[in-house]
């Protein structure tokens, strides 16, 4: 009896020790997993449940509520990707598109799965969208159905392969523009919509009234999605400069693009080389250069193409200079922090690592005039492109928004030597 009891106790002791070992090993495994996962989370990386979200395009929603519920995960992911509140996003789509899912082929934006007037920019503005839905999820060529609405603001619209990509892509695009920072990571719907209005998302003076009306009648019904998104990703999920994991590069860019990308110490892509890709055309006129320069100019005449990444307002000097430098094969990136002012390009480019020389002009380089120089706006300054350097030190520049302001007219002007000495000249990327 005593011997049997001893055996029983020994057996129980062995089982107890075995259980402790199993729990210890499991604990170590979980700890290692958390460390690895934590490192990867430094880069933007949608969860598997988010990235695998799909939709049945053949199933037509019965109502807005039905549509939103079927795309709930995309709305939640859009909060993480761009920090744009789902309820505000829904209200803005209602104003821009009218949720015309019952006849998607009859409305331009719905043909493009564009959930609110997203213009073409650069693919680097859509990292989470591309990782989640594939490289074909975003098209910035401006050639696909629904990408040319003709609202007279210039530029084409982005095409998304489906509504999920359009929902997430809109939030990402907004977050990558400096004009709408007030809407990003904003947990108040009305405040978010007010911010995009003030940022100039639309030219309609009644746009804010429409947005608030749509939010009060529709958007606020979906605060429950806001709550789920905030609970999942926090109150300020979007961080400027969010990077992609290095192991995701091939999912979003080709090998050439990847080789031109910069990576941080964690191996994350943080910046892309400015694109030379044309995304459409514009009807802005180009004046003939001065007769005395006939036969002297070696560069091609300014074209009427829009180039990827040009987020500057149509017709402004910045818009014209951006397109011209891209056309010449030496593009310059959109400076999100320069408030859209040409006079700030020199400082912005220098901070980004571009070659900037004060007072030393080169053909094809940007020419940044500080505020008030050569008749430029006292606050905004001016940006032009050097077309010819004269022997006396003066230069010929091409520029926009000097002749017939806001028309996009590209014109020419000779800048004297004394003024040239005060200009910041910027070399684009090759």
Protein backbone atom coordinates (compact mmCIF):
# COMPACT_ATOMS: atom_id res chain seq x y z
CA UNK A 1 0.00 0.00 0.00
CA UNK A 2 2.77 2.41 0.94
CA UNK A 3 4.92 1.37 -2.05
CA UNK A 4 2.02 1.85 -4.42
CA UNK A 5 1.39 5.33 -3.00
CA UNK A 6 5.03 6.25 -3.53
CA UNK A 7 4.86 5.23 -7.18
CA UNK A 8 1.73 7.29 -7.65
CA UNK A 9 3.35 10.38 -6.17
CA UNK A 10 6.48 9.92 -8.29
CA UNK A 11 4.33 9.65 -11.44
CA UNK A 12 2.39 12.79 -10.55
CA UNK A 13 5.65 14.64 -9.87
CA UNK A 14 6.99 13.66 -13.30
CA UNK A 15 3.78 14.84 -15.01
CA UNK A 16 3.93 18.14 -13.14
CA UNK A 17 7.53 18.72 -14.22
CA UNK A 18 6.67 17.85 -17.81
CA UNK A 19 3.80 20.34 -17.79
CA UNK A 20 6.09 23.05 -16.46
CA UNK A 21 8.62 22.36 -19.21
CA UNK A 22 5.90 22.53 -21.87
CA UNK A 23 4.59 25.82 -20.53
CA UNK A 24 8.13 27.21 -20.31
CA UNK A 25 8.88 26.31 -23.95
CA UNK A 26 5.53 27.76 -25.06
CA UNK A 27 6.23 30.95 -23.16
CA UNK A 28 9.66 31.34 -24.77
CA UNK A 29 8.13 30.77 -28.22
CA UNK A 30 5.49 33.45 -27.63
CA UNK A 31 8.15 35.88 -26.37
CA UNK A 32 10.32 35.32 -29.44
CA UNK A 33 7.30 35.75 -31.71
CA UNK A 34 6.38 39.02 -30.01
CA UNK A 35 9.90 40.39 -30.42
CA UNK A 36 10.02 39.50 -34.10
CA UNK A 37 6.51 40.80 -34.71
CA UNK A 38 7.29 44.00 -32.86
CA UNK A 39 10.26 44.66 -35.13
CA UNK A 40 8.20 44.13 -38.26
CA UNK A 41 5.49 46.42 -36.93
CA UNK A 42 7.98 49.31 -37.23
CA UNK A 43 7.08 49.17 -40.91
CA UNK A 44 3.52 49.46 -42.20
CA UNK A 45 2.20 45.94 -42.47
CA UNK A 46 -1.49 45.07 -42.69
CA UNK A 47 -2.70 42.05 -40.81
CA UNK A 48 -3.52 38.90 -42.71
CA UNK A 49 -7.20 39.43 -42.14
CA UNK A 50 -6.93 42.88 -43.67
CA UNK A 51 -4.73 41.96 -46.59
CA UNK A 52 -6.91 39.06 -47.61
CA UNK A 53 -10.06 41.13 -47.75
CA UNK A 54 -11.86 40.55 -51.04
CA UNK A 55 -15.20 41.47 -52.49
CA UNK A 56 -17.79 39.86 -54.68
CA UNK A 57 -18.12 42.38 -57.50
CA UNK A 58 -21.13 40.53 -58.88
CA UNK A 59 -23.15 41.14 -55.72
CA UNK A 60 -24.88 44.53 -55.89
CA UNK A 61 -25.46 46.10 -52.45
CA UNK A 62 -29.07 46.85 -51.55
CA UNK A 63 -28.22 50.07 -49.70
CA UNK A 64 -25.39 52.27 -48.50
CA UNK A 65 -25.50 50.39 -45.21
CA UNK A 66 -25.14 47.10 -47.06
CA UNK A 67 -22.22 48.48 -49.08
CA UNK A 68 -20.41 49.82 -46.02
CA UNK A 69 -20.87 46.61 -44.04
CA UNK A 70 -19.51 44.53 -46.93
CA UNK A 71 -16.41 46.76 -47.00
CA UNK A 72 -16.05 47.25 -43.26
CA UNK A 73 -12.56 45.76 -43.07
CA UNK A 74 -11.32 48.13 -45.78
CA UNK A 75 -12.71 51.12 -43.87
CA UNK A 76 -11.00 49.91 -40.70
CA UNK A 77 -7.74 49.37 -42.58
CA UNK A 78 -8.03 52.87 -44.07
CA UNK A 79 -7.87 54.28 -40.53
CA UNK A 80 -4.55 52.53 -40.03
CA UNK A 81 -3.21 53.33 -43.51
CA UNK A 82 -4.07 57.03 -43.62
CA UNK A 83 -5.71 58.05 -40.36
CA UNK A 84 -8.90 59.20 -42.11
CA UNK A 85 -11.98 58.49 -40.00
CA UNK A 86 -14.29 55.91 -41.66
CA UNK A 87 -17.50 57.84 -40.93
CA UNK A 88 -15.97 60.98 -42.48
CA UNK A 89 -14.76 58.96 -45.46
CA UNK A 90 -18.26 57.62 -46.05
CA UNK A 91 -19.80 61.10 -45.90
CA UNK A 92 -17.20 62.47 -48.32
CA UNK A 93 -17.87 59.65 -50.78
CA UNK A 94 -21.57 60.44 -50.66
CA UNK A 95 -20.87 64.05 -51.67
CA UNK A 96 -18.36 63.16 -54.40
CA UNK A 97 -19.85 59.95 -55.81
CA UNK A 98 -23.35 59.57 -54.46
CA UNK A 99 -22.77 55.84 -53.79
CA UNK A 100 -23.97 54.97 -57.25
CA UNK A 101 -23.25 51.26 -56.82
CA UNK A 102 -26.55 50.35 -58.47
CA UNK A 103 -25.20 51.72 -61.75
CA UNK A 104 -21.41 51.82 -61.39
CA UNK A 105 -20.86 52.05 -65.13
CA UNK A 106 -22.82 55.27 -65.31
CA UNK A 107 -20.68 57.39 -63.00
CA UNK A 108 -17.06 58.25 -63.72
CA UNK A 109 -15.70 57.83 -60.20
CA UNK A 110 -17.47 54.52 -59.75
CA UNK A 111 -15.97 53.23 -63.00
CA UNK A 112 -12.57 53.97 -61.46
CA UNK A 113 -13.56 52.64 -58.00
CA UNK A 114 -12.40 56.07 -56.85
CA UNK A 115 -14.05 56.76 -53.53
CA UNK A 116 -13.91 60.55 -53.53
CA UNK A 117 -11.97 62.39 -56.24
CA UNK A 118 -8.45 61.09 -55.64
CA UNK A 119 -6.13 62.64 -58.23
CA UNK A 120 -3.12 60.88 -59.73
CA UNK A 121 0.10 61.23 -57.77
CA UNK A 122 2.81 58.59 -57.29
CA UNK A 123 2.50 54.95 -56.28
CA UNK A 124 4.60 55.64 -53.19
CA UNK A 125 1.53 57.43 -51.81
CA UNK A 126 -0.29 54.06 -51.59
CA UNK A 127 2.03 51.63 -49.72
CA UNK A 128 -0.61 49.82 -47.66
CA UNK A 129 -3.04 49.65 -50.59
CA UNK A 130 -0.40 48.05 -52.80
CA UNK A 131 0.72 45.55 -50.17
CA UNK A 132 -2.86 44.65 -49.29
CA UNK A 133 -4.39 44.36 -52.75
CA UNK A 134 -1.46 43.95 -55.14
CA UNK A 135 0.59 46.22 -57.39
CA UNK A 136 -2.23 46.37 -59.94
CA UNK A 137 -4.56 47.83 -57.30
CA UNK A 138 -3.54 51.39 -58.18
CA UNK A 139 -3.22 52.87 -61.67
CA UNK A 140 -1.94 56.43 -62.06
CA UNK A 141 -1.74 56.60 -65.85
CA UNK A 142 -5.00 58.51 -66.11
CA UNK A 143 -6.01 56.37 -69.07
CA UNK A 144 -8.50 53.93 -67.56
CA UNK A 145 -12.25 54.29 -67.30
CA UNK A 146 -13.48 57.00 -64.98
CA UNK A 147 -10.15 58.79 -64.58
CA UNK A 148 -11.00 61.90 -66.61
CA UNK A 149 -13.95 63.75 -65.15
CA UNK A 150 -13.26 67.20 -66.54
CA UNK A 151 -13.74 69.42 -63.51
CA UNK A 152 -11.37 72.05 -64.94
CA UNK A 153 -8.89 71.71 -62.08
CA UNK A 154 -6.31 69.91 -64.18
CA UNK A 155 -4.88 66.42 -63.90
CA UNK A 156 -6.45 63.00 -64.04
CA UNK A 157 -7.90 60.75 -61.37
CA UNK A 158 -6.52 57.56 -59.88
CA UNK A 159 -7.97 54.21 -60.92
CA UNK A 160 -8.35 51.51 -58.26
CA UNK A 161 -9.03 47.89 -59.14
CA UNK A 162 -11.92 47.58 -56.68
CA UNK A 163 -13.78 49.44 -53.94
CA UNK A 164 -11.61 48.08 -51.14
CA UNK A 165 -8.49 49.49 -52.77
CA UNK A 166 -10.33 52.76 -53.42
CA UNK A 167 -11.35 53.10 -49.77
CA UNK A 168 -7.87 52.49 -48.39
CA UNK A 169 -6.19 54.39 -51.23
CA UNK A 170 -8.18 57.57 -50.58
CA UNK A 171 -7.07 57.67 -46.95
CA UNK A 172 -3.44 57.05 -47.92
CA UNK A 173 -3.45 59.70 -50.64
CA UNK A 174 -4.89 62.25 -48.22
CA UNK A 175 -2.31 61.43 -45.56
CA UNK A 176 0.56 61.92 -48.01
CA UNK A 177 -0.51 65.46 -48.89
CA UNK A 178 0.46 68.39 -46.65
CA UNK A 179 -2.82 70.17 -47.36
CA UNK A 180 -4.99 67.82 -45.29
CA UNK A 181 -2.96 67.23 -42.13
CA UNK A 182 -5.84 68.49 -40.00
CA UNK A 183 -7.97 65.57 -41.16
CA UNK A 184 -5.40 62.89 -40.36
CA UNK A 185 -5.66 61.03 -37.04
CA UNK A 186 -8.67 63.21 -36.29
CA UNK A 187 -11.32 61.31 -34.33
CA UNK A 188 -14.03 63.93 -34.91
CA UNK A 189 -15.95 63.55 -38.16
CA UNK A 190 -17.04 67.17 -38.63
CA UNK A 191 -13.56 68.45 -37.81
CA UNK A 192 -11.99 66.01 -40.30
CA UNK A 193 -14.28 67.11 -43.11
CA UNK A 194 -13.71 70.78 -42.29
CA UNK A 195 -9.96 70.17 -42.59
CA UNK A 196 -10.16 68.70 -46.09
CA UNK A 197 -12.39 71.58 -47.16
CA UNK A 198 -9.87 74.12 -45.86
CA UNK A 199 -7.12 72.16 -47.57
CA UNK A 200 -8.81 72.72 -50.92
CA UNK A 201 -9.97 69.22 -51.78
CA UNK A 202 -12.72 70.73 -53.94
CA UNK A 203 -13.25 74.15 -55.52
CA UNK A 204 -17.00 74.29 -54.83
CA UNK A 205 -17.59 77.05 -52.22
CA UNK A 206 -20.55 75.05 -50.87
CA UNK A 207 -18.45 71.92 -50.45
CA UNK A 208 -18.25 72.16 -46.65
CA UNK A 209 -22.00 72.61 -46.31
CA UNK A 210 -22.50 69.48 -48.41
CA UNK A 211 -19.96 67.51 -46.38
CA UNK A 212 -21.50 68.42 -43.04
CA UNK A 213 -24.99 67.68 -44.33
CA UNK A 214 -23.87 64.25 -45.58
CA UNK A 215 -22.16 63.51 -42.29
CA UNK A 216 -25.19 64.43 -40.20
CA UNK A 217 -27.58 62.44 -42.38
CA UNK A 218 -25.34 59.47 -43.19
CA UNK A 219 -21.78 59.45 -41.94
CA UNK A 220 -22.49 59.53 -38.22
CA UNK A 221 -24.55 56.35 -38.57
CA UNK A 222 -21.23 54.55 -38.94
CA UNK A 223 -19.49 55.78 -35.81
CA UNK A 224 -19.52 52.14 -34.75
CA UNK A 225 -16.91 51.47 -37.45
CA UNK A 226 -14.86 54.40 -36.11
CA UNK A 227 -14.98 52.76 -32.69
CA UNK A 228 -13.81 49.40 -34.03
CA UNK A 229 -11.01 51.03 -36.03
CA UNK A 230 -9.77 53.06 -33.05
CA UNK A 231 -9.94 50.05 -30.75
CA UNK A 232 -7.88 48.05 -33.25
CA UNK A 233 -5.27 50.62 -34.31
CA UNK A 234 -5.40 53.38 -31.70
CA UNK A 235 -6.35 57.08 -31.85
CA UNK A 236 -3.38 58.18 -33.97
CA UNK A 237 -2.42 55.22 -36.18
CA UNK A 238 -0.89 57.11 -39.10
CA UNK A 239 2.67 58.33 -38.76
CA UNK A 240 4.30 60.39 -41.49
CA UNK A 241 7.10 58.46 -43.15
CA UNK A 242 5.57 55.06 -42.46
CA UNK A 243 7.72 52.62 -44.39
CA UNK A 244 7.23 49.31 -46.10
CA UNK A 245 9.06 46.20 -45.01
CA UNK A 246 12.00 45.50 -47.26
CA UNK A 247 10.62 42.04 -47.93
CA UNK A 248 7.54 43.68 -49.44
CA UNK A 249 9.41 45.72 -52.05
CA UNK A 250 8.78 43.31 -54.89
CA UNK A 251 5.06 43.43 -54.19
CA UNK A 252 4.89 47.14 -54.82
CA UNK A 253 7.74 48.05 -57.12
CA UNK A 254 9.82 46.50 -59.85
CA UNK A 255 13.49 45.72 -59.34
CA UNK A 256 14.66 48.97 -60.90
CA UNK A 257 12.45 51.00 -58.61
CA UNK A 258 13.57 49.03 -55.58
CA UNK A 259 17.23 49.67 -56.33
CA UNK A 260 16.54 53.40 -56.36
CA UNK A 261 14.81 53.34 -52.99
CA UNK A 262 16.39 54.37 -49.72
CA UNK A 263 16.10 52.07 -46.71
CA UNK A 264 16.46 52.77 -43.01
CA UNK A 265 18.41 50.71 -40.46
CA UNK A 266 15.49 48.32 -40.17
CA UNK A 267 15.55 47.64 -43.89
CA UNK A 268 12.38 49.62 -44.61
CA UNK A 269 11.80 51.62 -47.78
CA UNK A 270 11.44 55.25 -46.75
CA UNK A 271 11.71 57.22 -49.95
CA UNK A 272 11.39 56.69 -53.69
CA UNK A 273 13.09 58.40 -56.57
CA UNK A 274 10.79 60.94 -58.24
CA UNK A 275 8.99 59.52 -61.25
CA UNK A 276 9.36 60.60 -64.88
CA UNK A 277 6.09 58.86 -65.77
CA UNK A 278 3.44 60.86 -67.62
CA UNK A 279 -0.09 60.36 -66.31
CA UNK A 280 -2.17 62.32 -68.78
CA UNK A 281 -2.35 65.61 -70.63
CA UNK A 282 -3.53 69.16 -70.02
CA UNK A 283 -4.76 71.93 -72.30
CA UNK A 284 -2.62 74.71 -70.86
CA UNK A 285 -1.08 76.86 -73.67
CA UNK A 286 2.64 77.38 -74.27
CA UNK A 287 3.90 80.68 -75.66
CA UNK A 288 6.72 80.82 -78.20
CA UNK A 289 10.17 81.70 -76.79
CA UNK A 290 11.71 85.08 -77.64
CA UNK A 291 12.85 85.31 -81.26
CA UNK A 292 16.45 86.04 -80.26
CA UNK A 293 16.67 82.52 -78.84
CA UNK A 294 15.58 80.74 -82.02
CA UNK A 295 18.18 78.09 -82.83
CA UNK A 296 19.88 78.46 -79.44
CA UNK A 297 17.63 76.29 -77.27
CA UNK A 298 18.78 72.68 -77.10
CA UNK A 299 16.04 71.23 -74.90
CA UNK A 300 12.64 70.13 -76.24
CA UNK A 301 9.81 72.63 -75.98
CA UNK A 302 7.54 72.26 -72.93
CA UNK A 303 4.91 69.59 -73.54
CA UNK A 304 1.32 69.41 -72.33
CA UNK A 305 1.70 66.26 -70.21
CA UNK A 306 0.97 65.81 -66.53
CA UNK A 307 3.58 63.82 -64.64
CA UNK A 308 3.23 61.41 -61.75
CA UNK A 309 3.46 62.89 -58.28
CA UNK A 310 2.43 66.43 -59.23
CA UNK A 311 0.16 67.38 -56.34
CA UNK A 312 0.55 71.13 -56.86
CA UNK A 313 -2.57 73.08 -57.89
CA UNK A 314 -3.15 73.34 -61.62
CA UNK A 315 -1.73 76.46 -63.22
CA UNK A 316 0.59 77.45 -60.37
CA UNK A 317 4.31 78.05 -60.94
CA UNK A 318 5.07 74.93 -58.89
CA UNK A 319 2.77 72.82 -61.05
CA UNK A 320 4.49 74.02 -64.22
CA UNK A 321 8.05 73.61 -62.93
CA UNK A 322 7.31 70.13 -61.62
CA UNK A 323 6.00 68.97 -65.01
CA UNK A 324 8.84 70.62 -66.92
CA UNK A 325 11.62 69.01 -64.87
CA UNK A 326 9.96 65.61 -65.13
CA UNK A 327 9.68 66.07 -68.90
CA UNK A 328 13.43 66.85 -69.10
CA UNK A 329 14.26 63.57 -67.38
CA UNK A 330 15.42 65.20 -64.15
CA UNK A 331 12.29 65.08 -62.00
CA UNK A 332 11.92 66.60 -58.59
CA UNK A 333 9.70 65.21 -55.86
CA UNK A 334 6.66 66.93 -54.43
CA UNK A 335 7.77 68.87 -51.37
CA UNK A 336 4.93 68.20 -48.95
CA UNK A 337 6.31 70.57 -46.36
CA UNK A 338 6.88 73.70 -48.44
CA UNK A 339 3.26 74.88 -48.30
CA UNK A 340 3.20 74.81 -52.09
CA UNK A 341 5.48 77.86 -52.31
CA UNK A 342 8.07 78.03 -55.09
CA UNK A 343 10.25 80.27 -52.96
CA UNK A 344 10.71 77.40 -50.50
CA UNK A 345 11.93 74.87 -53.04
CA UNK A 346 15.59 75.69 -52.50
CA UNK A 347 15.48 74.98 -48.77
CA UNK A 348 13.18 71.97 -49.19
CA UNK A 349 15.38 70.43 -51.90
CA UNK A 350 18.56 71.04 -49.89
CA UNK A 351 17.00 69.30 -46.87
CA UNK A 352 16.09 66.32 -49.11
CA UNK A 353 19.63 65.93 -50.39
CA UNK A 354 19.26 67.56 -53.80
CA UNK A 355 22.18 69.54 -55.23
CA UNK A 356 21.36 73.23 -54.74
CA UNK A 357 23.64 76.09 -55.84
CA UNK A 358 22.94 79.72 -55.09
CA UNK A 359 23.71 82.08 -57.95
CA UNK A 360 25.07 79.40 -60.30
CA UNK A 361 22.57 78.57 -63.06
CA UNK A 362 22.53 75.37 -65.11
CA UNK A 363 20.26 74.55 -68.04
CA UNK A 364 17.41 72.29 -66.95
CA UNK A 365 17.70 73.15 -63.26
CA UNK A 366 14.93 74.65 -61.18
CA UNK A 367 15.23 78.33 -60.25
CA UNK A 368 13.73 79.23 -56.86
CA UNK A 369 13.04 82.95 -56.23
CA UNK A 370 12.56 84.03 -52.63
CA UNK A 371 9.50 86.15 -51.84
CA UNK A 372 9.52 89.48 -53.63
CA UNK A 373 12.50 88.70 -55.89
CA UNK A 374 11.96 89.64 -59.55
CA UNK A 375 8.37 90.64 -58.87
CA UNK A 376 7.38 87.35 -57.26
CA UNK A 377 4.73 87.09 -54.56
CA UNK A 378 6.14 88.54 -51.30
CA UNK A 379 5.14 85.45 -49.33
CA UNK A 380 5.15 82.55 -51.78
CA UNK A 381 8.10 83.46 -54.00
CA UNK A 382 8.40 81.76 -57.38
CA UNK A 383 9.85 78.72 -59.16
CA UNK A 384 10.92 78.50 -62.82
CA UNK A 385 13.20 76.33 -64.96
CA UNK A 386 16.46 77.47 -66.59
CA UNK A 387 16.30 77.13 -70.38
CA UNK A 388 19.44 79.04 -71.45
CA UNK A 389 22.43 80.73 -69.81
CA UNK A 390 23.63 83.89 -71.56
CA UNK A 391 27.27 84.99 -71.78
CA UNK A 392 26.54 88.11 -69.72
CA UNK A 393 25.32 86.00 -66.79
CA UNK A 394 21.63 86.51 -67.40
CA UNK A 395 19.33 83.54 -68.03
CA UNK A 396 16.21 82.59 -69.95
CA UNK A 397 13.62 80.74 -67.89
CA UNK A 398 10.34 79.02 -68.67
CA UNK A 399 7.66 79.60 -66.06
CA UNK A 400 3.97 79.26 -65.27
CA UNK A 401 1.40 81.55 -63.67
CA UNK A 402 3.10 84.80 -64.76
CA UNK A 403 1.18 85.37 -67.98
CA UNK A 404 -2.59 84.87 -67.65
CA UNK A 405 -2.56 83.67 -64.01
CA UNK A 406 -4.31 80.38 -63.15
CA UNK A 407 -4.57 79.40 -66.82
CA UNK A 408 -1.48 77.18 -66.76
CA UNK A 409 0.12 79.29 -69.52
CA UNK A 410 3.81 78.50 -69.94
CA UNK A 411 5.80 81.59 -70.80
CA UNK A 412 9.41 82.83 -71.01
CA UNK A 413 11.43 85.56 -69.35
CA UNK A 414 15.01 86.83 -69.25
CA UNK A 415 16.39 87.26 -65.71
CA UNK A 416 19.30 89.70 -65.29
CA UNK A 417 22.66 88.82 -63.74
CA UNK A 418 22.07 90.70 -60.50
CA UNK A 419 18.88 88.73 -59.86
CA UNK A 420 20.50 85.43 -60.89
CA UNK A 421 23.00 85.86 -58.06
CA UNK A 422 20.14 85.66 -55.54
CA UNK A 423 18.38 82.58 -56.95
CA UNK A 424 18.64 79.02 -55.59
CA UNK A 425 19.24 76.64 -58.51
CA UNK A 426 18.12 73.02 -58.00
CA UNK A 427 19.26 69.94 -59.89
CA UNK A 428 16.57 67.29 -60.30
CA UNK A 429 17.13 63.55 -59.94
CA UNK A 430 18.60 61.74 -62.90
